[in-house]
């Protein structure tokens, strides 16, 4: 499912226009991004938790030349599914 299909599904399920469902989806994604930028977490009970993790600096290899390169430490988004989502999938 891509973003357009998700917007159509939201519009049909919630009985709202596609424009309104697109705005709602964009608002949700924007709120999650803003919270993660501030190193916060977003918990949707039954669905899961979005959080920020830290990846340590490490040494990697350039696949073309085989030369060692340094990869900087970075913050990465994480998602931990909730019990209800796990149960729905299984």
PDB file of N, CA and C in Angstrom:
ATOM      1  N   UNK A   1       0.854  -1.176   0.000  1.00  0.00           N
ATOM      2  CA  UNK A   1       0.000   0.000   0.000  1.00  0.00           C
ATOM      3  C   UNK A   1       0.896   1.234   0.000  1.00  0.00           C
ATOM      4  N   UNK A   2       0.629   2.145  -0.906  1.00  0.00           N
ATOM      5  CA  UNK A   2       1.392   3.392  -0.932  1.00  0.00           C
ATOM      6  C   UNK A   2       0.559   4.522  -0.315  1.00  0.00           C
ATOM      7  N   UNK A   3       1.099   5.728  -0.316  1.00  0.00           N
ATOM      8  CA  UNK A   3       0.441   6.846   0.348  1.00  0.00           C
ATOM      9  C   UNK A   3      -0.925   7.151  -0.279  1.00  0.00           C
ATOM     10  N   UNK A   4      -1.015   7.120  -1.602  1.00  0.00           N
ATOM     11  CA  UNK A   4      -2.274   7.411  -2.280  1.00  0.00           C
ATOM     12  C   UNK A   4      -3.349   6.389  -1.905  1.00  0.00           C
ATOM     13  N   UNK A   5      -2.970   5.124  -1.885  1.00  0.00           N
ATOM     14  CA  UNK A   5      -3.924   4.081  -1.508  1.00  0.00           C
ATOM     15  C   UNK A   5      -4.345   4.224  -0.054  1.00  0.00           C
ATOM     16  N   UNK A   6      -3.408   4.616   0.810  1.00  0.00           N
ATOM     17  CA  UNK A   6      -3.731   4.825   2.223  1.00  0.00           C
ATOM     18  C   UNK A   6      -4.712   5.985   2.377  1.00  0.00           C
ATOM     19  N   UNK A   7      -4.489   7.065   1.651  1.00  0.00           N
ATOM     20  CA  UNK A   7      -5.398   8.218   1.694  1.00  0.00           C
ATOM     21  C   UNK A   7      -6.794   7.803   1.249  1.00  0.00           C
ATOM     22  N   UNK A   8      -6.890   7.026   0.175  1.00  0.00           N
ATOM     23  CA  UNK A   8      -8.191   6.556  -0.311  1.00  0.00           C
ATOM     24  C   UNK A   8      -8.875   5.667   0.731  1.00  0.00           C
ATOM     25  N   UNK A   9      -8.110   4.801   1.376  1.00  0.00           N
ATOM     26  CA  UNK A   9      -8.669   3.921   2.403  1.00  0.00           C
ATOM     27  C   UNK A   9      -9.194   4.734   3.590  1.00  0.00           C
ATOM     28  N   UNK A  10      -8.419   5.718   4.035  1.00  0.00           N
ATOM     29  CA  UNK A  10      -8.840   6.576   5.153  1.00  0.00           C
ATOM     30  C   UNK A  10     -10.113   7.323   4.781  1.00  0.00           C
ATOM     31  N   UNK A  11     -10.152   7.877   3.571  1.00  0.00           N
ATOM     32  CA  UNK A  11     -11.318   8.641   3.125  1.00  0.00           C
ATOM     33  C   UNK A  11     -12.567   7.765   3.110  1.00  0.00           C
ATOM     34  N   UNK A  12     -12.437   6.546   2.599  1.00  0.00           N
ATOM     35  CA  UNK A  12     -13.584   5.638   2.515  1.00  0.00           C
ATOM     36  C   UNK A  12     -14.028   5.182   3.899  1.00  0.00           C
ATOM     37  N   UNK A  13     -13.073   4.804   4.750  1.00  0.00           N
ATOM     38  CA  UNK A  13     -13.393   4.283   6.078  1.00  0.00           C
ATOM     39  C   UNK A  13     -13.972   5.355   6.994  1.00  0.00           C
ATOM     40  N   UNK A  14     -13.411   6.554   6.949  1.00  0.00           N
ATOM     41  CA  UNK A  14     -13.850   7.631   7.836  1.00  0.00           C
ATOM     42  C   UNK A  14     -14.972   8.464   7.227  1.00  0.00           C
ATOM     43  N   UNK A  15     -15.350   8.157   5.983  1.00  0.00           N
ATOM     44  CA  UNK A  15     -16.407   8.887   5.275  1.00  0.00           C
ATOM     45  C   UNK A  15     -16.097  10.388   5.211  1.00  0.00           C
ATOM     46  N   UNK A  16     -14.854  10.687   4.790  1.00  0.00           N
ATOM     47  CA  UNK A  16     -14.441  12.076   4.576  1.00  0.00           C
ATOM     48  C   UNK A  16     -13.841  12.180   3.178  1.00  0.00           C
ATOM     49  N   UNK A  17     -13.576  13.405   2.743  1.00  0.00           N
ATOM     50  CA  UNK A  17     -13.016  13.598   1.408  1.00  0.00           C
ATOM     51  C   UNK A  17     -11.554  13.152   1.368  1.00  0.00           C
ATOM     52  N   UNK A  18     -11.075  12.892   0.153  1.00  0.00           N
ATOM     53  CA  UNK A  18      -9.680  12.508  -0.007  1.00  0.00           C
ATOM     54  C   UNK A  18      -8.760  13.646   0.419  1.00  0.00           C
ATOM     55  N   UNK A  19      -9.162  14.881   0.162  1.00  0.00           N
ATOM     56  CA  UNK A  19      -8.348  16.035   0.559  1.00  0.00           C
ATOM     57  C   UNK A  19      -8.222  16.105   2.071  1.00  0.00           C
ATOM     58  N   UNK A  20      -9.327  15.871   2.764  1.00  0.00           N
ATOM     59  CA  UNK A  20      -9.300  15.918   4.227  1.00  0.00           C
ATOM     60  C   UNK A  20      -8.455  14.773   4.788  1.00  0.00           C
ATOM     61  N   UNK A  21      -8.575  13.592   4.191  1.00  0.00           N
ATOM     62  CA  UNK A  21      -7.776  12.468   4.689  1.00  0.00           C
ATOM     63  C   UNK A  21      -6.296  12.678   4.398  1.00  0.00           C
ATOM     64  N   UNK A  22      -5.972  13.319   3.274  1.00  0.00           N
ATOM     65  CA  UNK A  22      -4.578  13.632   2.958  1.00  0.00           C
ATOM     66  C   UNK A  22      -4.012  14.615   3.983  1.00  0.00           C
ATOM     67  N   UNK A  23      -4.807  15.627   4.339  1.00  0.00           N
ATOM     68  CA  UNK A  23      -4.361  16.606   5.347  1.00  0.00           C
ATOM     69  C   UNK A  23      -4.177  15.923   6.702  1.00  0.00           C
ATOM     70  N   UNK A  24      -5.070  15.013   7.059  1.00  0.00           N
ATOM     71  CA  UNK A  24      -4.964  14.312   8.344  1.00  0.00           C
ATOM     72  C   UNK A  24      -3.715  13.438   8.373  1.00  0.00           C
ATOM     73  N   UNK A  25      -3.460  12.726   7.292  1.00  0.00           N
ATOM     74  CA  UNK A  25      -2.273  11.873   7.233  1.00  0.00           C
ATOM     75  C   UNK A  25      -1.000  12.714   7.293  1.00  0.00           C
ATOM     76  N   UNK A  26      -0.961  13.820   6.545  1.00  0.00           N
ATOM     77  CA  UNK A  26       0.204  14.711   6.575  1.00  0.00           C
ATOM     78  C   UNK A  26       0.416  15.295   7.966  1.00  0.00           C
ATOM     79  N   UNK A  27      -0.685  15.623   8.661  1.00  0.00           N
ATOM     80  CA  UNK A  27      -0.579  16.160  10.016  1.00  0.00           C
ATOM     81  C   UNK A  27      -0.016  15.112  10.973  1.00  0.00           C
ATOM     82  N   UNK A  28      -0.460  13.869  10.832  1.00  0.00           N
ATOM     83  CA  UNK A  28       0.041  12.788  11.676  1.00  0.00           C
ATOM     84  C   UNK A  28       1.532  12.574  11.457  1.00  0.00           C
ATOM     85  N   UNK A  29       1.943  12.465  10.200  1.00  0.00           N
ATOM     86  CA  UNK A  29       3.357  12.251   9.879  1.00  0.00           C
ATOM     87  C   UNK A  29       4.190  13.447  10.358  1.00  0.00           C
ATOM     88  N   UNK A  30       3.675  14.655  10.171  1.00  0.00           N
ATOM     89  CA  UNK A  30       4.378  15.857  10.623  1.00  0.00           C
ATOM     90  C   UNK A  30       4.557  15.888  12.125  1.00  0.00           C
ATOM     91  N   UNK A  31       3.523  15.490  12.864  1.00  0.00           N
ATOM     92  CA  UNK A  31       3.603  15.475  14.326  1.00  0.00           C
ATOM     93  C   UNK A  31       4.631  14.446  14.793  1.00  0.00           C
ATOM     94  N   UNK A  32       4.663  13.294  14.150  1.00  0.00           N
ATOM     95  CA  UNK A  32       5.646  12.269  14.522  1.00  0.00           C
ATOM     96  C   UNK A  32       7.056  12.768  14.231  1.00  0.00           C
ATOM     97  N   UNK A  33       7.277  13.383  13.061  1.00  0.00           N
ATOM     98  CA  UNK A  33       8.609  13.910  12.715  1.00  0.00           C
ATOM     99  C   UNK A  33       9.058  14.970  13.709  1.00  0.00           C
ATOM    100  N   UNK A  34       8.160  15.894  14.037  1.00  0.00           N
ATOM    101  CA  UNK A  34       8.501  16.982  14.957  1.00  0.00           C
ATOM    102  C   UNK A  34       8.885  16.442  16.331  1.00  0.00           C
ATOM    103  N   UNK A  35       8.126  15.468  16.819  1.00  0.00           N
ATOM    104  CA  UNK A  35       8.413  14.885  18.132  1.00  0.00           C
ATOM    105  C   UNK A  35       9.746  14.144  18.114  1.00  0.00           C
ATOM    106  N   UNK A  36      10.019  13.377  17.047  1.00  0.00           N
ATOM    107  CA  UNK A  36      11.280  12.642  16.969  1.00  0.00           C
ATOM    108  C   UNK A  36      12.471  13.582  16.837  1.00  0.00           C
ATOM    109  N   UNK A  37      12.296  14.716  16.155  1.00  0.00           N
ATOM    110  CA  UNK A  37      13.387  15.696  16.057  1.00  0.00           C
ATOM    111  C   UNK A  37      13.786  16.217  17.425  1.00  0.00           C
ATOM    112  N   UNK A  38      12.816  16.259  18.342  1.00  0.00           N
ATOM    113  CA  UNK A  38      13.076  16.729  19.703  1.00  0.00           C
ATOM    114  C   UNK A  38      13.479  15.578  20.624  1.00  0.00           C
ATOM    115  N   UNK A  39      13.851  14.434  20.045  1.00  0.00           N
ATOM    116  CA  UNK A  39      14.240  13.226  20.782  1.00  0.00           C
ATOM    117  C   UNK A  39      13.119  12.680  21.653  1.00  0.00           C
ATOM    118  N   UNK A  40      11.872  12.935  21.278  1.00  0.00           N
ATOM    119  CA  UNK A  40      10.730  12.413  22.020  1.00  0.00           C
ATOM    120  C   UNK A  40      10.288  11.072  21.468  1.00  0.00           C
ATOM    121  N   UNK A  41       9.226  10.542  22.039  1.00  0.00           N
ATOM    122  CA  UNK A  41       8.644   9.291  21.550  1.00  0.00           C
ATOM    123  C   UNK A  41       7.163   9.512  21.294  1.00  0.00           C
ATOM    124  N   UNK A  42       6.625   8.759  20.356  1.00  0.00           N
ATOM    125  CA  UNK A  42       5.196   8.807  20.044  1.00  0.00           C
ATOM    126  C   UNK A  42       4.659   7.395  20.250  1.00  0.00           C
ATOM    127  N   UNK A  43       3.713   7.255  21.174  1.00  0.00           N
ATOM    128  CA  UNK A  43       3.139   5.948  21.462  1.00  0.00           C
ATOM    129  C   UNK A  43       1.677   5.940  21.041  1.00  0.00           C
ATOM    130  N   UNK A  44       1.343   5.022  20.146  1.00  0.00           N
ATOM    131  CA  UNK A  44      -0.039   4.808  19.736  1.00  0.00           C
ATOM    132  C   UNK A  44      -0.438   3.459  20.327  1.00  0.00           C
ATOM    133  N   UNK A  45      -1.203   3.495  21.408  1.00  0.00           N
ATOM    134  CA  UNK A  45      -1.539   2.286  22.154  1.00  0.00           C
ATOM    135  C   UNK A  45      -2.188   1.265  21.211  1.00  0.00           C
ATOM    136  N   UNK A  46      -1.666   0.057  21.242  1.00  0.00           N
ATOM    137  CA  UNK A  46      -2.165  -1.004  20.403  1.00  0.00           C
ATOM    138  C   UNK A  46      -1.497  -1.070  19.041  1.00  0.00           C
ATOM    139  N   UNK A  47      -0.867   0.028  18.619  1.00  0.00           N
ATOM    140  CA  UNK A  47      -0.198   0.058  17.311  1.00  0.00           C
ATOM    141  C   UNK A  47       1.308  -0.068  17.469  1.00  0.00           C
ATOM    142  N   UNK A  48       1.904   0.850  18.228  1.00  0.00           N
ATOM    143  CA  UNK A  48       3.340   0.786  18.443  1.00  0.00           C
ATOM    144  C   UNK A  48       3.916   2.098  18.924  1.00  0.00           C
ATOM    145  N   UNK A  49       5.235   2.117  19.034  1.00  0.00           N
ATOM    146  CA  UNK A  49       5.950   3.285  19.545  1.00  0.00           C
ATOM    147  C   UNK A  49       7.049   3.692  18.577  1.00  0.00           C
ATOM    148  N   UNK A  50       7.049   4.967  18.224  1.00  0.00           N
ATOM    149  CA  UNK A  50       8.120   5.559  17.421  1.00  0.00           C
ATOM    150  C   UNK A  50       9.091   6.220  18.390  1.00  0.00           C
ATOM    151  N   UNK A  51      10.390   5.991  18.204  1.00  0.00           N
ATOM    152  CA  UNK A  51      11.394   6.596  19.075  1.00  0.00           C
ATOM    153  C   UNK A  51      12.659   6.869  18.270  1.00  0.00           C
ATOM    154  N   UNK A  52      13.636   7.480  18.941  1.00  0.00           N
ATOM    155  CA  UNK A  52      14.913   7.794  18.314  1.00  0.00           C
ATOM    156  C   UNK A  52      15.992   6.946  18.963  1.00  0.00           C
ATOM    157  N   UNK A  53      16.779   6.267  18.147  1.00  0.00           N
ATOM    158  CA  UNK A  53      17.894   5.475  18.643  1.00  0.00           C
ATOM    159  C   UNK A  53      19.203   6.102  18.202  1.00  0.00           C
ATOM    160  N   UNK A  54      20.282   5.656  18.777  1.00  0.00           N
ATOM    161  CA  UNK A  54      21.602   6.178  18.413  1.00  0.00           C
ATOM    162  C   UNK A  54      22.418   5.076  17.776  1.00  0.00           C
ATOM    163  N   UNK A  55      23.049   5.398  16.662  1.00  0.00           N
ATOM    164  CA  UNK A  55      23.952   4.461  16.000  1.00  0.00           C
ATOM    165  C   UNK A  55      25.365   4.993  16.208  1.00  0.00           C
ATOM    166  N   UNK A  56      26.241   4.182  16.761  1.00  0.00           N
ATOM    167  CA  UNK A  56      27.606   4.591  17.069  1.00  0.00           C
ATOM    168  C   UNK A  56      28.424   4.772  15.796  1.00  0.00           C
ATOM    169  N   UNK A  57      29.479   5.561  15.910  1.00  0.00           N
ATOM    170  CA  UNK A  57      30.414   5.721  14.796  1.00  0.00           C
ATOM    171  C   UNK A  57      31.098   4.387  14.546  1.00  0.00           C
ATOM    172  N   UNK A  58      31.399   4.117  13.295  1.00  0.00           N
ATOM    173  CA  UNK A  58      32.021   2.841  12.968  1.00  0.00           C
ATOM    174  C   UNK A  58      32.858   2.977  11.706  1.00  0.00           C
ATOM    175  N   UNK A  59      33.632   1.947  11.437  1.00  0.00           N
ATOM    176  CA  UNK A  59      34.451   1.907  10.231  1.00  0.00           C
ATOM    177  C   UNK A  59      33.751   1.019   9.217  1.00  0.00           C
ATOM    178  N   UNK A  60      33.646   1.525   7.993  1.00  0.00           N
ATOM    179  CA  UNK A  60      33.028   0.760   6.919  1.00  0.00           C
ATOM    180  C   UNK A  60      34.002   0.609   5.762  1.00  0.00           C
ATOM    181  N   UNK A  61      33.536   0.019   4.687  1.00  0.00           N
ATOM    182  CA  UNK A  61      34.372  -0.180   3.496  1.00  0.00           C
ATOM    183  C   UNK A  61      33.669   0.361   2.271  1.00  0.00           C
ATOM    184  N   UNK A  62      34.428   0.998   1.405  1.00  0.00           N
ATOM    185  CA  UNK A  62      33.919   1.420   0.111  1.00  0.00           C
ATOM    186  C   UNK A  62      33.851   0.152  -0.752  1.00  0.00           C
ATOM    187  N   UNK A  63      32.662  -0.234  -1.230  1.00  0.00           N
ATOM    188  CA  UNK A  63      32.558  -1.490  -1.972  1.00  0.00           C
ATOM    189  C   UNK A  63      33.298  -1.490  -3.314  1.00  0.00           C
ATOM    190  N   UNK A  64      33.532  -0.317  -3.885  1.00  0.00           N
ATOM    191  CA  UNK A  64      34.231  -0.263  -5.173  1.00  0.00           C
ATOM    192  C   UNK A  64      35.737  -0.402  -5.015  1.00  0.00           C
ATOM    193  N   UNK A  65      36.288   0.289  -4.006  1.00  0.00           N
ATOM    194  CA  UNK A  65      37.746   0.296  -3.852  1.00  0.00           C
ATOM    195  C   UNK A  65      38.233  -0.580  -2.701  1.00  0.00           C
ATOM    196  N   UNK A  66      37.350  -0.901  -1.768  1.00  0.00           N
ATOM    197  CA  UNK A  66      37.751  -1.683  -0.607  1.00  0.00           C
ATOM    198  C   UNK A  66      38.434  -0.841   0.461  1.00  0.00           C
ATOM    199  N   UNK A  67      38.535   0.465   0.224  1.00  0.00           N
ATOM    200  CA  UNK A  67      39.186   1.351   1.188  1.00  0.00           C
ATOM    201  C   UNK A  67      38.315   1.522   2.433  1.00  0.00           C
ATOM    202  N   UNK A  68      38.963   1.614   3.592  1.00  0.00           N
ATOM    203  CA  UNK A  68      38.254   1.831   4.850  1.00  0.00           C
ATOM    204  C   UNK A  68      37.786   3.280   4.917  1.00  0.00           C
ATOM    205  N   UNK A  69      36.543   3.473   5.380  1.00  0.00           N
ATOM    206  CA  UNK A  69      36.015   4.824   5.559  1.00  0.00           C
ATOM    207  C   UNK A  69      35.402   4.915   6.954  1.00  0.00           C
ATOM    208  N   UNK A  70      35.371   6.122   7.490  1.00  0.00           N
ATOM    209  CA  UNK A  70      34.765   6.336   8.796  1.00  0.00           C
ATOM    210  C   UNK A  70      33.316   6.773   8.584  1.00  0.00           C
ATOM    211  N   UNK A  71      32.398   6.111   9.287  1.00  0.00           N
ATOM    212  CA  UNK A  71      30.987   6.457   9.229  1.00  0.00           C
ATOM    213  C   UNK A  71      30.645   7.138  10.547  1.00  0.00           C
ATOM    214  N   UNK A  72      30.098   8.352  10.467  1.00  0.00           N
ATOM    215  CA  UNK A  72      29.792   9.143  11.658  1.00  0.00           C
ATOM    216  C   UNK A  72      28.656   8.526  12.465  1.00  0.00           C
ATOM    217  N   UNK A  73      28.610   8.868  13.741  1.00  0.00           N
ATOM    218  CA  UNK A  73      27.493   8.471  14.595  1.00  0.00           C
ATOM    219  C   UNK A  73      26.243   9.175  14.085  1.00  0.00           C
ATOM    220  N   UNK A  74      25.095   8.549  14.268  1.00  0.00           N
ATOM    221  CA  UNK A  74      23.852   9.135  13.769  1.00  0.00           C
ATOM    222  C   UNK A  74      22.683   8.761  14.663  1.00  0.00           C
ATOM    223  N   UNK A  75      21.646   9.594  14.609  1.00  0.00           N
ATOM    224  CA  UNK A  75      20.383   9.278  15.253  1.00  0.00           C
ATOM    225  C   UNK A  75      19.518   8.611  14.186  1.00  0.00           C
ATOM    226  N   UNK A  76      18.816   7.554  14.562  1.00  0.00           N
ATOM    227  CA  UNK A  76      17.971   6.840  13.611  1.00  0.00           C
ATOM    228  C   UNK A  76      16.579   6.628  14.202  1.00  0.00           C
ATOM    229  N   UNK A  77      15.543   6.751  13.369  1.00  0.00           N
ATOM    230  CA  UNK A  77      14.193   6.485  13.870  1.00  0.00           C
ATOM    231  C   UNK A  77      13.988   4.986  14.080  1.00  0.00           C
ATOM    232  N   UNK A  78      13.237   4.651  15.127  1.00  0.00           N
ATOM    233  CA  UNK A  78      12.933   3.255  15.434  1.00  0.00           C
ATOM    234  C   UNK A  78      11.432   3.116  15.608  1.00  0.00           C
ATOM    235  N   UNK A  79      10.943   1.911  15.322  1.00  0.00           N
ATOM    236  CA  UNK A  79       9.532   1.601  15.557  1.00  0.00           C
ATOM    237  C   UNK A  79       9.442   0.258  16.252  1.00  0.00           C
ATOM    238  N   UNK A  80       8.726   0.232  17.365  1.00  0.00           N
ATOM    239  CA  UNK A  80       8.505  -1.017  18.085  1.00  0.00           C
ATOM    240  C   UNK A  80       6.999  -1.303  18.040  1.00  0.00           C
ATOM    241  N   UNK A  81       6.604  -2.374  17.350  1.00  0.00           N
ATOM    242  CA  UNK A  81       5.168  -2.662  17.231  1.00  0.00           C
ATOM    243  C   UNK A  81       4.543  -3.025  18.571  1.00  0.00           C
ATOM    244  N   UNK A  82       3.280  -2.645  18.734  1.00  0.00           N
ATOM    245  CA  UNK A  82       2.542  -2.976  19.944  1.00  0.00           C
ATOM    246  C   UNK A  82       1.949  -4.375  19.863  1.00  0.00           C
ATOM    247  N   UNK A  83       1.442  -4.850  20.982  1.00  0.00           N
ATOM    248  CA  UNK A  83       0.906  -6.203  21.062  1.00  0.00           C
ATOM    249  C   UNK A  83      -0.262  -6.414  20.098  1.00  0.00           C
ATOM    250  N   UNK A  84      -1.172  -5.454  20.012  1.00  0.00           N
ATOM    251  CA  UNK A  84      -2.333  -5.606  19.134  1.00  0.00           C
ATOM    252  C   UNK A  84      -1.907  -5.718  17.670  1.00  0.00           C
ATOM    253  N   UNK A  85      -0.901  -4.967  17.267  1.00  0.00           N
ATOM    254  CA  UNK A  85      -0.414  -5.047  15.887  1.00  0.00           C
ATOM    255  C   UNK A  85       0.253  -6.389  15.633  1.00  0.00           C
ATOM    256  N   UNK A  86       1.051  -6.859  16.589  1.00  0.00           N
ATOM    257  CA  UNK A  86       1.695  -8.167  16.454  1.00  0.00           C
ATOM    258  C   UNK A  86       0.638  -9.273  16.336  1.00  0.00           C
ATOM    259  N   UNK A  87      -0.395  -9.179  17.176  1.00  0.00           N
ATOM    260  CA  UNK A  87      -1.449 -10.191  17.154  1.00  0.00           C
ATOM    261  C   UNK A  87      -2.231 -10.151  15.844  1.00  0.00           C
ATOM    262  N   UNK A  88      -2.454  -8.956  15.295  1.00  0.00           N
ATOM    263  CA  UNK A  88      -3.190  -8.827  14.038  1.00  0.00           C
ATOM    264  C   UNK A  88      -2.417  -9.441  12.879  1.00  0.00           C
ATOM    265  N   UNK A  89      -1.098  -9.308  12.901  1.00  0.00           N
ATOM    266  CA  UNK A  89      -0.260  -9.848  11.835  1.00  0.00           C
ATOM    267  C   UNK A  89      -0.170 -11.362  11.944  1.00  0.00           C
ATOM    268  N   UNK A  90      -0.091 -11.863  13.157  1.00  0.00           N
ATOM    269  CA  UNK A  90       0.003 -13.310  13.365  1.00  0.00           C
ATOM    270  C   UNK A  90      -1.386 -13.859  13.492  1.00  0.00           C
TER     271      UNK A  90
END
